Amino acid sequence: MSLTGGQTLKADPPLLSKAAQNAHALQAAVESELAGPAEQMAAAATALTGRTLGGRLQTTWSIWSDQANNLQLEIGRLSADLDTTAKNYAQAEAAVQAQFARPQQ
């Protein structure tokens, strides 16, 4: 792809694959980091059942959990998109190389 000023852009499939792996690892880290606080928050909310603070604590945790789960899903989508893009670029590059390697008729 040609950019302005004569610059070119070249995709690096191994680098994209590595970024996908890193994103996947981040997704797993977010999931594991949420496990501990979830148990603690459930215990605290249970201990405060029937009190105003208990209800607010549960509501706040629910909002936090939803946002964290959305973050985890988006990181997962990013990981999948990076992986797909890496594979697509690698396949396209292989097809172009194969085309140039064929004898001219």
Protein backbone atom coordinates (compact mmCIF):
# COMPACT_ATOMS: atom_id res chain seq x y z
CA MET A 1 0.00 0.00 0.00
CA SER A 2 1.42 3.36 -0.95
CA LEU A 3 1.13 6.25 1.43
CA THR A 4 1.65 9.93 0.78
CA GLY A 5 5.21 11.00 0.22
CA GLY A 6 6.23 7.72 -1.40
CA GLN A 7 6.08 5.76 1.86
CA THR A 8 4.82 2.19 1.82
CA LEU A 9 3.04 0.10 4.39
CA LYS A 10 3.91 -3.55 4.74
CA ALA A 11 2.04 -5.91 7.02
CA ASP A 12 4.07 -8.19 9.28
CA PRO A 13 1.97 -11.35 9.87
CA PRO A 14 4.25 -12.76 12.62
CA LEU A 15 4.05 -9.45 14.46
CA LEU A 16 0.25 -9.43 14.11
CA SER A 17 0.13 -13.01 15.41
CA LYS A 18 2.26 -12.03 18.40
CA ALA A 19 -0.06 -9.09 19.11
CA ALA A 20 -3.02 -11.49 18.96
CA GLN A 21 -1.30 -13.80 21.46
CA ASN A 22 -0.60 -10.86 23.76
CA ALA A 23 -4.22 -9.72 23.56
CA HIS A 24 -5.39 -13.25 24.36
CA ALA A 25 -3.08 -13.35 27.39
CA LEU A 26 -4.45 -9.98 28.52
CA GLN A 27 -7.99 -11.30 28.18
CA ALA A 28 -7.12 -14.28 30.39
CA ALA A 29 -5.44 -11.99 32.94
CA VAL A 30 -8.54 -9.78 33.16
CA GLU A 31 -10.68 -12.87 33.76
CA SER A 32 -8.42 -14.26 36.47
CA GLU A 33 -8.02 -10.88 38.18
CA LEU A 34 -11.80 -10.58 38.51
CA ALA A 35 -12.22 -13.96 40.20
CA GLY A 36 -10.80 -12.93 43.59
CA PRO A 37 -12.69 -9.66 44.05
CA ALA A 38 -15.93 -11.31 42.89
CA GLU A 39 -15.81 -13.77 45.79
CA GLN A 40 -14.94 -11.01 48.27
CA MET A 41 -17.67 -8.71 47.00
CA ALA A 42 -20.27 -11.47 47.20
CA ALA A 43 -19.28 -12.16 50.80
CA ALA A 44 -19.42 -8.46 51.70
CA ALA A 45 -22.81 -7.98 50.04
CA THR A 46 -24.16 -11.04 51.83
CA ALA A 47 -22.89 -9.73 55.16
CA LEU A 48 -24.68 -6.44 54.51
CA THR A 49 -27.99 -7.95 53.35
CA GLY A 50 -30.92 -5.81 54.39
CA ARG A 51 -28.84 -2.66 54.77
CA THR A 52 -28.72 0.21 52.33
CA LEU A 53 -24.99 -0.15 51.94
CA GLY A 54 -25.38 -3.81 50.98
CA GLY A 55 -27.72 -2.94 48.12
CA ARG A 56 -25.47 -0.16 46.87
CA LEU A 57 -22.44 -2.41 47.12
CA GLN A 58 -24.20 -5.05 45.03
CA THR A 59 -25.29 -2.47 42.44
CA THR A 60 -21.80 -0.99 42.20
CA TRP A 61 -20.24 -4.44 41.83
CA SER A 62 -22.77 -5.37 39.17
CA ILE A 63 -21.86 -2.29 37.12
CA TRP A 64 -18.15 -2.95 37.60
CA SER A 65 -18.56 -6.59 36.58
CA ASP A 66 -20.51 -5.68 33.46
CA GLN A 67 -17.84 -3.21 32.39
CA ALA A 68 -15.02 -5.65 33.11
CA ASN A 69 -16.81 -8.41 31.18
CA ASN A 70 -17.31 -6.03 28.25
CA LEU A 71 -13.61 -5.17 28.37
CA GLN A 72 -12.75 -8.86 28.34
CA LEU A 73 -15.05 -9.48 25.36
CA GLU A 74 -13.57 -6.57 23.41
CA ILE A 75 -10.03 -7.76 24.07
CA GLY A 76 -11.09 -11.21 22.85
CA ARG A 77 -12.52 -9.72 19.66
CA LEU A 78 -9.34 -7.73 19.14
CA SER A 79 -7.27 -10.89 19.59
CA ALA A 80 -9.40 -12.79 17.07
CA ASP A 81 -9.31 -9.91 14.58
CA LEU A 82 -5.52 -9.62 14.83
CA ASP A 83 -5.14 -13.36 14.34
CA THR A 84 -7.47 -13.39 11.33
CA THR A 85 -5.67 -10.41 9.81
CA ALA A 86 -2.29 -12.09 10.27
CA LYS A 87 -3.53 -15.25 8.55
CA ASN A 88 -5.13 -13.27 5.71
CA TYR A 89 -1.96 -11.26 5.07
CA ALA A 90 0.18 -14.41 5.15
CA GLN A 91 -2.13 -16.16 2.67
CA ALA A 92 -2.23 -13.14 0.39
CA GLU A 93 1.55 -12.81 0.47
CA ALA A 94 1.96 -16.51 -0.33
CA ALA A 95 -0.48 -16.20 -3.24
CA VAL A 96 1.38 -13.20 -4.65
CA GLN A 97 4.72 -14.97 -4.32
CA ALA A 98 3.29 -18.08 -6.01
CA GLN A 99 1.96 -15.95 -8.86
CA PHE A 100 5.39 -14.39 -9.48
CA ALA A 101 7.09 -17.79 -9.25
CA ARG A 102 4.98 -19.22 -12.09
CA PRO A 103 6.66 -19.30 -15.50
CA GLN A 104 5.45 -16.65 -17.91
CA GLN A 105 3.47 -17.93 -20.91
